[in-house]
Amino acid sequence: MKRSDVRSNRVGRAMLATGGVTIAYRAVVEFTCVQCAGTIAPGALFSRKSRRTPPGVFGLTATDPICTTCQPLRLQDNGETETAATDAREE
């Protein structure tokens, strides 16, 4: 994969408001949130939601971006927790 193909970077583990755990990502390019259709700007944190792809399509699942307004995150780093304060739609 070429560097120019990178659309997001994995930041690390994050806790959801529901108490679950997910992976947090940082956008390199602009995304659209699958739940609210809001913009996830480059540099903003977001999570992903897995979904099954149709039969015959390469891969078993696809992942759709979800903004931190729809799914608030708390980043975890060596026992420390930091709230992700990101809302790309505040422009």
PDB file of N, CA and C in Angstrom:
ATOM      1  N   MET A   1       0.852  -1.180   0.000  1.00  0.00           N
ATOM      2  CA  MET A   1       0.000   0.000   0.000  1.00  0.00           C
ATOM      3  C   MET A   1       0.893   1.238   0.000  1.00  0.00           C
ATOM      4  N   LYS A   2       0.631   2.145  -0.921  1.00  0.00           N
ATOM      5  CA  LYS A   2       1.386   3.383  -0.997  1.00  0.00           C
ATOM      6  C   LYS A   2       0.906   4.344   0.083  1.00  0.00           C
ATOM      7  N   ARG A   3       1.784   5.229   0.502  1.00  0.00           N
ATOM      8  CA  ARG A   3       1.438   6.222   1.512  1.00  0.00           C
ATOM      9  C   ARG A   3       0.236   7.064   1.075  1.00  0.00           C
ATOM     10  N   SER A   4       0.120   7.341  -0.222  1.00  0.00           N
ATOM     11  CA  SER A   4      -0.988   8.157  -0.716  1.00  0.00           C
ATOM     12  C   SER A   4      -2.330   7.430  -0.634  1.00  0.00           C
ATOM     13  N   ASP A   5      -2.310   6.100  -0.418  1.00  0.00           N
ATOM     14  CA  ASP A   5      -3.540   5.325  -0.294  1.00  0.00           C
ATOM     15  C   ASP A   5      -4.107   5.349   1.131  1.00  0.00           C
ATOM     16  N   VAL A   6      -3.361   5.874   2.083  1.00  0.00           N
ATOM     17  CA  VAL A   6      -3.791   5.887   3.479  1.00  0.00           C
ATOM     18  C   VAL A   6      -4.905   6.911   3.653  1.00  0.00           C
ATOM     19  N   ARG A   7      -6.047   6.446   4.170  1.00  0.00           N
ATOM     20  CA  ARG A   7      -7.196   7.322   4.382  1.00  0.00           C
ATOM     21  C   ARG A   7      -7.432   7.632   5.861  1.00  0.00           C
ATOM     22  N   SER A   8      -6.864   6.793   6.740  1.00  0.00           N
ATOM     23  CA  SER A   8      -6.979   7.023   8.178  1.00  0.00           C
ATOM     24  C   SER A   8      -5.835   6.311   8.880  1.00  0.00           C
ATOM     25  N   ASN A   9      -5.557   6.761  10.105  1.00  0.00           N
ATOM     26  CA  ASN A   9      -4.518   6.142  10.934  1.00  0.00           C
ATOM     27  C   ASN A   9      -5.153   5.620  12.212  1.00  0.00           C
ATOM     28  N   ARG A  10      -4.733   4.446  12.602  1.00  0.00           N
ATOM     29  CA  ARG A  10      -5.237   3.857  13.846  1.00  0.00           C
ATOM     30  C   ARG A  10      -4.587   4.578  15.023  1.00  0.00           C
ATOM     31  N   VAL A  11      -5.419   5.073  15.949  1.00  0.00           N
ATOM     32  CA  VAL A  11      -4.926   5.789  17.122  1.00  0.00           C
ATOM     33  C   VAL A  11      -4.736   4.828  18.293  1.00  0.00           C
ATOM     34  N   GLY A  12      -5.689   3.930  18.504  1.00  0.00           N
ATOM     35  CA  GLY A  12      -5.593   2.965  19.598  1.00  0.00           C
ATOM     36  C   GLY A  12      -6.954   2.624  20.166  1.00  0.00           C
ATOM     37  N   ARG A  13      -6.924   1.964  21.316  1.00  0.00           N
ATOM     38  CA  ARG A  13      -8.164   1.524  21.968  1.00  0.00           C
ATOM     39  C   ARG A  13      -8.897   2.715  22.555  1.00  0.00           C
ATOM     40  N   ALA A  14     -10.226   2.611  22.530  1.00  0.00           N
ATOM     41  CA  ALA A  14     -11.066   3.659  23.102  1.00  0.00           C
ATOM     42  C   ALA A  14     -12.291   3.020  23.722  1.00  0.00           C
ATOM     43  N   MET A  15     -12.784   3.636  24.793  1.00  0.00           N
ATOM     44  CA  MET A  15     -14.018   3.183  25.431  1.00  0.00           C
ATOM     45  C   MET A  15     -15.188   3.959  24.853  1.00  0.00           C
ATOM     46  N   LEU A  16     -16.294   3.253  24.646  1.00  0.00           N
ATOM     47  CA  LEU A  16     -17.530   3.877  24.193  1.00  0.00           C
ATOM     48  C   LEU A  16     -18.354   4.326  25.390  1.00  0.00           C
ATOM     49  N   ALA A  17     -19.284   5.214  25.175  1.00  0.00           N
ATOM     50  CA  ALA A  17     -20.163   5.675  26.250  1.00  0.00           C
ATOM     51  C   ALA A  17     -20.966   4.524  26.840  1.00  0.00           C
ATOM     52  N   THR A  18     -21.193   3.462  26.054  1.00  0.00           N
ATOM     53  CA  THR A  18     -21.936   2.291  26.509  1.00  0.00           C
ATOM     54  C   THR A  18     -21.092   1.374  27.388  1.00  0.00           C
ATOM     55  N   GLY A  19     -19.788   1.652  27.486  1.00  0.00           N
ATOM     56  CA  GLY A  19     -18.885   0.815  28.258  1.00  0.00           C
ATOM     57  C   GLY A  19     -18.127  -0.186  27.406  1.00  0.00           C
ATOM     58  N   GLY A  20     -18.486  -0.291  26.142  1.00  0.00           N
ATOM     59  CA  GLY A  20     -17.787  -1.188  25.229  1.00  0.00           C
ATOM     60  C   GLY A  20     -16.434  -0.617  24.820  1.00  0.00           C
ATOM     61  N   VAL A  21     -15.678  -1.423  24.114  1.00  0.00           N
ATOM     62  CA  VAL A  21     -14.351  -1.015  23.649  1.00  0.00           C
ATOM     63  C   VAL A  21     -14.328  -1.062  22.128  1.00  0.00           C
ATOM     64  N   THR A  22     -13.663  -0.099  21.528  1.00  0.00           N
ATOM     65  CA  THR A  22     -13.520  -0.039  20.077  1.00  0.00           C
ATOM     66  C   THR A  22     -12.124   0.454  19.738  1.00  0.00           C
ATOM     67  N   ILE A  23     -11.853   0.618  18.463  1.00  0.00           N
ATOM     68  CA  ILE A  23     -10.602   1.179  17.999  1.00  0.00           C
ATOM     69  C   ILE A  23     -10.889   2.590  17.495  1.00  0.00           C
ATOM     70  N   ALA A  24     -10.081   3.563  17.901  1.00  0.00           N
ATOM     71  CA  ALA A  24     -10.214   4.938  17.434  1.00  0.00           C
ATOM     72  C   ALA A  24      -9.275   5.156  16.251  1.00  0.00           C
ATOM     73  N   TYR A  25      -9.733   5.941  15.292  1.00  0.00           N
ATOM     74  CA  TYR A  25      -8.962   6.274  14.100  1.00  0.00           C
ATOM     75  C   TYR A  25      -8.896   7.789  13.962  1.00  0.00           C
ATOM     76  N   ARG A  26      -7.863   8.275  13.259  1.00  0.00           N
ATOM     77  CA  ARG A  26      -7.748   9.692  12.923  1.00  0.00           C
ATOM     78  C   ARG A  26      -7.842   9.801  11.401  1.00  0.00           C
ATOM     79  N   ALA A  27      -8.754  10.631  10.921  1.00  0.00           N
ATOM     80  CA  ALA A  27      -8.972  10.785   9.481  1.00  0.00           C
ATOM     81  C   ALA A  27      -7.787  11.490   8.829  1.00  0.00           C
ATOM     82  N   VAL A  28      -7.368  10.998   7.674  1.00  0.00           N
ATOM     83  CA  VAL A  28      -6.355  11.651   6.853  1.00  0.00           C
ATOM     84  C   VAL A  28      -7.060  12.432   5.737  1.00  0.00           C
ATOM     85  N   VAL A  29      -8.180  11.898   5.298  1.00  0.00           N
ATOM     86  CA  VAL A  29      -9.026  12.557   4.295  1.00  0.00           C
ATOM     87  C   VAL A  29     -10.412  12.759   4.905  1.00  0.00           C
ATOM     88  N   GLU A  30     -11.255  13.509   4.234  1.00  0.00           N
ATOM     89  CA  GLU A  30     -12.612  13.750   4.719  1.00  0.00           C
ATOM     90  C   GLU A  30     -13.482  12.504   4.542  1.00  0.00           C
ATOM     91  N   PHE A  31     -14.264  12.191   5.573  1.00  0.00           N
ATOM     92  CA  PHE A  31     -15.212  11.084   5.540  1.00  0.00           C
ATOM     93  C   PHE A  31     -16.610  11.629   5.819  1.00  0.00           C
ATOM     94  N   THR A  32     -17.619  10.826   5.531  1.00  0.00           N
ATOM     95  CA  THR A  32     -18.997  11.126   5.901  1.00  0.00           C
ATOM     96  C   THR A  32     -19.444  10.087   6.923  1.00  0.00           C
ATOM     97  N   CYS A  33     -20.001  10.550   8.035  1.00  0.00           N
ATOM     98  CA  CYS A  33     -20.485   9.651   9.082  1.00  0.00           C
ATOM     99  C   CYS A  33     -21.655   8.839   8.538  1.00  0.00           C
ATOM    100  N   VAL A  34     -21.613   7.533   8.743  1.00  0.00           N
ATOM    101  CA  VAL A  34     -22.654   6.650   8.234  1.00  0.00           C
ATOM    102  C   VAL A  34     -23.975   6.820   8.988  1.00  0.00           C
ATOM    103  N   GLN A  35     -23.935   7.367  10.208  1.00  0.00           N
ATOM    104  CA  GLN A  35     -25.165   7.498  10.995  1.00  0.00           C
ATOM    105  C   GLN A  35     -25.866   8.835  10.805  1.00  0.00           C
ATOM    106  N   CYS A  36     -25.107   9.945  10.749  1.00  0.00           N
ATOM    107  CA  CYS A  36     -25.753  11.268  10.684  1.00  0.00           C
ATOM    108  C   CYS A  36     -25.455  12.021   9.395  1.00  0.00           C
ATOM    109  N   ALA A  37     -24.597  11.471   8.556  1.00  0.00           N
ATOM    110  CA  ALA A  37     -24.187  12.100   7.288  1.00  0.00           C
ATOM    111  C   ALA A  37     -23.375  13.381   7.502  1.00  0.00           C
ATOM    112  N   GLY A  38     -22.894  13.593   8.728  1.00  0.00           N
ATOM    113  CA  GLY A  38     -22.027  14.736   9.012  1.00  0.00           C
ATOM    114  C   GLY A  38     -20.630  14.495   8.474  1.00  0.00           C
ATOM    115  N   THR A  39     -19.868  15.559   8.367  1.00  0.00           N
ATOM    116  CA  THR A  39     -18.501  15.473   7.866  1.00  0.00           C
ATOM    117  C   THR A  39     -17.523  15.135   8.984  1.00  0.00           C
ATOM    118  N   ILE A  40     -16.630  14.206   8.705  1.00  0.00           N
ATOM    119  CA  ILE A  40     -15.508  13.900   9.595  1.00  0.00           C
ATOM    120  C   ILE A  40     -14.290  14.492   8.900  1.00  0.00           C
ATOM    121  N   ALA A  41     -13.795  15.602   9.413  1.00  0.00           N
ATOM    122  CA  ALA A  41     -12.713  16.351   8.783  1.00  0.00           C
ATOM    123  C   ALA A  41     -11.369  15.655   8.958  1.00  0.00           C
ATOM    124  N   PRO A  42     -10.416  15.913   8.063  1.00  0.00           N
ATOM    125  CA  PRO A  42      -9.064  15.401   8.259  1.00  0.00           C
ATOM    126  C   PRO A  42      -8.531  15.835   9.623  1.00  0.00           C
ATOM    127  N   GLY A  43      -7.941  14.912  10.351  1.00  0.00           N
ATOM    128  CA  GLY A  43      -7.424  15.177  11.693  1.00  0.00           C
ATOM    129  C   GLY A  43      -8.391  14.825  12.805  1.00  0.00           C
ATOM    130  N   ALA A  44      -9.665  14.627  12.480  1.00  0.00           N
ATOM    131  CA  ALA A  44     -10.683  14.313  13.494  1.00  0.00           C
ATOM    132  C   ALA A  44     -10.639  12.833  13.863  1.00  0.00           C
ATOM    133  N   LEU A  45     -11.000  12.544  15.093  1.00  0.00           N
ATOM    134  CA  LEU A  45     -11.109  11.163  15.551  1.00  0.00           C
ATOM    135  C   LEU A  45     -12.465  10.589  15.142  1.00  0.00           C
ATOM    136  N   PHE A  46     -12.493   9.278  14.923  1.00  0.00           N
ATOM    137  CA  PHE A  46     -13.750   8.599  14.619  1.00  0.00           C
ATOM    138  C   PHE A  46     -13.579   7.119  14.912  1.00  0.00           C
ATOM    139  N   SER A  47     -14.680   6.385  14.919  1.00  0.00           N
ATOM    140  CA  SER A  47     -14.639   4.929  15.061  1.00  0.00           C
ATOM    141  C   SER A  47     -15.258   4.336  13.805  1.00  0.00           C
ATOM    142  N   ARG A  48     -15.340   3.037  13.759  1.00  0.00           N
ATOM    143  CA  ARG A  48     -15.891   2.363  12.590  1.00  0.00           C
ATOM    144  C   ARG A  48     -16.942   1.346  13.011  1.00  0.00           C
ATOM    145  N   LYS A  49     -17.896   1.124  12.123  1.00  0.00           N
ATOM    146  CA  LYS A  49     -18.945   0.135  12.332  1.00  0.00           C
ATOM    147  C   LYS A  49     -18.796  -0.905  11.228  1.00  0.00           C
ATOM    148  N   SER A  50     -18.746  -2.170  11.603  1.00  0.00           N
ATOM    149  CA  SER A  50     -18.611  -3.241  10.614  1.00  0.00           C
ATOM    150  C   SER A  50     -19.967  -3.628  10.058  1.00  0.00           C
ATOM    151  N   ARG A  51     -19.973  -3.988   8.795  1.00  0.00           N
ATOM    152  CA  ARG A  51     -21.188  -4.502   8.168  1.00  0.00           C
ATOM    153  C   ARG A  51     -20.781  -5.575   7.166  1.00  0.00           C
ATOM    154  N   ARG A  52     -21.689  -6.477   6.912  1.00  0.00           N
ATOM    155  CA  ARG A  52     -21.428  -7.535   5.938  1.00  0.00           C
ATOM    156  C   ARG A  52     -21.554  -6.995   4.534  1.00  0.00           C
ATOM    157  N   THR A  53     -20.688  -7.464   3.651  1.00  0.00           N
ATOM    158  CA  THR A  53     -20.778  -7.078   2.249  1.00  0.00           C
ATOM    159  C   THR A  53     -21.634  -8.089   1.501  1.00  0.00           C
ATOM    160  N   PRO A  54     -22.174  -7.713   0.355  1.00  0.00           N
ATOM    161  CA  PRO A  54     -22.998  -8.645  -0.417  1.00  0.00           C
ATOM    162  C   PRO A  54     -22.196  -9.860  -0.883  1.00  0.00           C
ATOM    163  N   PRO A  55     -22.855 -10.983  -1.117  1.00  0.00           N
ATOM    164  CA  PRO A  55     -22.160 -12.166  -1.623  1.00  0.00           C
ATOM    165  C   PRO A  55     -21.431 -11.850  -2.926  1.00  0.00           C
ATOM    166  N   GLY A  56     -20.256 -12.419  -3.080  1.00  0.00           N
ATOM    167  CA  GLY A  56     -19.470 -12.211  -4.287  1.00  0.00           C
ATOM    168  C   GLY A  56     -18.545 -11.016  -4.228  1.00  0.00           C
ATOM    169  N   VAL A  57     -18.672 -10.194  -3.179  1.00  0.00           N
ATOM    170  CA  VAL A  57     -17.793  -9.039  -3.014  1.00  0.00           C
ATOM    171  C   VAL A  57     -16.607  -9.473  -2.166  1.00  0.00           C
ATOM    172  N   PHE A  58     -15.411  -9.084  -2.572  1.00  0.00           N
ATOM    173  CA  PHE A  58     -14.196  -9.472  -1.861  1.00  0.00           C
ATOM    174  C   PHE A  58     -14.259  -9.023  -0.411  1.00  0.00           C
ATOM    175  N   GLY A  59     -13.920  -9.917   0.501  1.00  0.00           N
ATOM    176  CA  GLY A  59     -13.916  -9.608   1.928  1.00  0.00           C
ATOM    177  C   GLY A  59     -15.243  -9.955   2.580  1.00  0.00           C
ATOM    178  N   LEU A  60     -15.207 -10.178   3.863  1.00  0.00           N
ATOM    179  CA  LEU A  60     -16.417 -10.554   4.585  1.00  0.00           C
ATOM    180  C   LEU A  60     -17.153  -9.361   5.168  1.00  0.00           C
ATOM    181  N   THR A  61     -16.404  -8.323   5.513  1.00  0.00           N
ATOM    182  CA  THR A  61     -17.039  -7.155   6.118  1.00  0.00           C
ATOM    183  C   THR A  61     -16.454  -5.882   5.534  1.00  0.00           C
ATOM    184  N   ALA A  62     -17.202  -4.831   5.633  1.00  0.00           N
ATOM    185  CA  ALA A  62     -16.728  -3.494   5.300  1.00  0.00           C
ATOM    186  C   ALA A  62     -16.855  -2.676   6.575  1.00  0.00           C
ATOM    187  N   THR A  63     -16.141  -1.584   6.659  1.00  0.00           N
ATOM    188  CA  THR A  63     -16.239  -0.744   7.845  1.00  0.00           C
ATOM    189  C   THR A  63     -16.653   0.659   7.430  1.00  0.00           C
ATOM    190  N   ASP A  64     -17.622   1.197   8.141  1.00  0.00           N
ATOM    191  CA  ASP A  64     -18.149   2.523   7.861  1.00  0.00           C
ATOM    192  C   ASP A  64     -17.740   3.470   8.987  1.00  0.00           C
ATOM    193  N   PRO A  65     -17.313   4.700   8.665  1.00  0.00           N
ATOM    194  CA  PRO A  65     -16.896   5.656   9.696  1.00  0.00           C
ATOM    195  C   PRO A  65     -18.078   6.225  10.478  1.00  0.00           C
ATOM    196  N   ILE A  66     -17.863   6.418  11.783  1.00  0.00           N
ATOM    197  CA  ILE A  66     -18.870   7.008  12.670  1.00  0.00           C
ATOM    198  C   ILE A  66     -18.202   8.143  13.436  1.00  0.00           C
ATOM    199  N   CYS A  67     -18.787   9.344  13.387  1.00  0.00           N
ATOM    200  CA  CYS A  67     -18.196  10.506  14.065  1.00  0.00           C
ATOM    201  C   CYS A  67     -18.340  10.388  15.585  1.00  0.00           C
ATOM    202  N   THR A  68     -17.593  11.222  16.300  1.00  0.00           N
ATOM    203  CA  THR A  68     -17.630  11.173  17.766  1.00  0.00           C
ATOM    204  C   THR A  68     -18.869  11.847  18.349  1.00  0.00           C
ATOM    205  N   THR A  69     -19.640  12.524  17.525  1.00  0.00           N
ATOM    206  CA  THR A  69     -20.926  13.053  17.997  1.00  0.00           C
ATOM    207  C   THR A  69     -21.917  11.904  18.132  1.00  0.00           C
ATOM    208  N   CYS A  70     -21.912  11.009  17.139  1.00  0.00           N
ATOM    209  CA  CYS A  70     -22.820   9.858  17.161  1.00  0.00           C
ATOM    210  C   CYS A  70     -22.335   8.765  18.107  1.00  0.00           C
ATOM    211  N   GLN A  71     -21.026   8.617  18.242  1.00  0.00           N
ATOM    212  CA  GLN A  71     -20.457   7.582  19.094  1.00  0.00           C
ATOM    213  C   GLN A  71     -19.271   8.169  19.862  1.00  0.00           C
ATOM    214  N   PRO A  72     -19.545   8.820  21.018  1.00  0.00           N
ATOM    215  CA  PRO A  72     -18.479   9.433  21.812  1.00  0.00           C
ATOM    216  C   PRO A  72     -17.422   8.400  22.227  1.00  0.00           C
ATOM    217  N   LEU A  73     -16.160   8.848  22.229  1.00  0.00           N
ATOM    218  CA  LEU A  73     -15.035   7.970  22.555  1.00  0.00           C
ATOM    219  C   LEU A  73     -14.242   8.530  23.722  1.00  0.00           C
ATOM    220  N   ARG A  74     -13.607   7.631  24.457  1.00  0.00           N
ATOM    221  CA  ARG A  74     -12.615   8.021  25.468  1.00  0.00           C
ATOM    222  C   ARG A  74     -11.372   7.212  25.170  1.00  0.00           C
ATOM    223  N   LEU A  75     -10.318   7.905  24.723  1.00  0.00           N
ATOM    224  CA  LEU A  75      -9.076   7.226  24.366  1.00  0.00           C
ATOM    225  C   LEU A  75      -8.415   6.647  25.598  1.00  0.00           C
ATOM    226  N   GLN A  76      -7.821   5.468  25.447  1.00  0.00           N
ATOM    227  CA  GLN A  76      -7.103   4.812  26.541  1.00  0.00           C
ATOM    228  C   GLN A  76      -5.628   4.775  26.184  1.00  0.00           C
ATOM    229  N   ASP A  77      -4.778   5.202  27.131  1.00  0.00           N
ATOM    230  CA  ASP A  77      -3.342   5.200  26.897  1.00  0.00           C
ATOM    231  C   ASP A  77      -2.628   4.866  28.195  1.00  0.00           C
ATOM    232  N   ASN A  78      -2.149   3.638  28.303  1.00  0.00           N
ATOM    233  CA  ASN A  78      -1.401   3.194  29.485  1.00  0.00           C
ATOM    234  C   ASN A  78      -2.120   3.491  30.790  1.00  0.00           C
ATOM    235  N   GLY A  79      -3.392   3.157  30.852  1.00  0.00           N
ATOM    236  CA  GLY A  79      -4.153   3.370  32.073  1.00  0.00           C
ATOM    237  C   GLY A  79      -4.743   4.757  32.188  1.00  0.00           C
ATOM    238  N   GLU A  80      -4.243   5.711  31.417  1.00  0.00           N
ATOM    239  CA  GLU A  80      -4.776   7.068  31.412  1.00  0.00           C
ATOM    240  C   GLU A  80      -5.942   7.118  30.430  1.00  0.00           C
ATOM    241  N   THR A  81      -6.905   7.965  30.676  1.00  0.00           N
ATOM    242  CA  THR A  81      -8.045   8.096  29.774  1.00  0.00           C
ATOM    243  C   THR A  81      -8.200   9.553  29.395  1.00  0.00           C
ATOM    244  N   GLU A  82      -8.399   9.813  28.108  1.00  0.00           N
ATOM    245  CA  GLU A  82      -8.575  11.170  27.610  1.00  0.00           C
ATOM    246  C   GLU A  82      -9.856  11.222  26.783  1.00  0.00           C
ATOM    247  N   THR A  83     -10.708  12.204  27.047  1.00  0.00           N
ATOM    248  CA  THR A  83     -11.955  12.318  26.290  1.00  0.00           C
ATOM    249  C   THR A  83     -11.657  12.886  24.915  1.00  0.00           C
ATOM    250  N   ALA A  84     -12.246  12.272  23.897  1.00  0.00           N
ATOM    251  CA  ALA A  84     -12.082  12.746  22.519  1.00  0.00           C
ATOM    252  C   ALA A  84     -13.071  13.874  22.283  1.00  0.00           C
ATOM    253  N   ALA A  85     -12.562  15.090  22.208  1.00  0.00           N
ATOM    254  CA  ALA A  85     -13.413  16.257  21.978  1.00  0.00           C
ATOM    255  C   ALA A  85     -13.301  16.649  20.518  1.00  0.00           C
ATOM    256  N   THR A  86     -14.087  16.010  19.693  1.00  0.00           N
ATOM    257  CA  THR A  86     -14.018  16.249  18.264  1.00  0.00           C
ATOM    258  C   THR A  86     -15.407  16.333  17.685  1.00  0.00           C
ATOM    259  N   ASP A  87     -15.712  17.419  17.040  1.00  0.00           N
ATOM    260  CA  ASP A  87     -16.942  17.499  16.277  1.00  0.00           C
ATOM    261  C   ASP A  87     -16.598  18.250  15.002  1.00  0.00           C
ATOM    262  N   ALA A  88     -16.358  17.529  13.933  1.00  0.00           N
ATOM    263  CA  ALA A  88     -15.905  18.111  12.683  1.00  0.00           C
ATOM    264  C   ALA A  88     -16.953  19.018  12.055  1.00  0.00           C
ATOM    265  N   ARG A  89     -18.202  18.957  12.534  1.00  0.00           N
ATOM    266  CA  ARG A  89     -19.252  19.778  11.932  1.00  0.00           C
ATOM    267  C   ARG A  89     -19.333  21.179  12.525  1.00  0.00           C
ATOM    268  N   GLU A  90     -18.433  21.534  13.464  1.00  0.00           N
ATOM    269  CA  GLU A  90     -18.493  22.840  14.115  1.00  0.00           C
ATOM    270  C   GLU A  90     -17.861  23.953  13.295  1.00  0.00           C
ATOM    271  N   GLU A  91     -17.627  23.751  12.029  1.00  0.00           N
ATOM    272  CA  GLU A  91     -16.941  24.759  11.216  1.00  0.00           C
ATOM    273  C   GLU A  91     -17.842  25.848  10.766  1.00  0.00           C
TER     274      GLU A  91
END
